[in-house]
Amino acid sequence: MLRRTVHLAKYLSAPAFRRKISRQLNKGESLHALRRDLHYAQQEAAPSACRGG
């Protein structure tokens, strides 16, 4: 519980720390979106490859 309190205090008091956290979250979300798009692209490409088209 103490770690969360320290983290929250640091997050609320340090704008640079908030930017760092936001950047890290954005990277993770972008990576997830890319993986999702690649997965769906592979699913769409696979049936046409099996049909010979």
Foldseek 3Di string as FASTA:
>chain_A
DVVVVVVVVCCVPDPVVVVVVVVVVVVVVVVVVVVVVVVVVVVVPVVCVVVVD
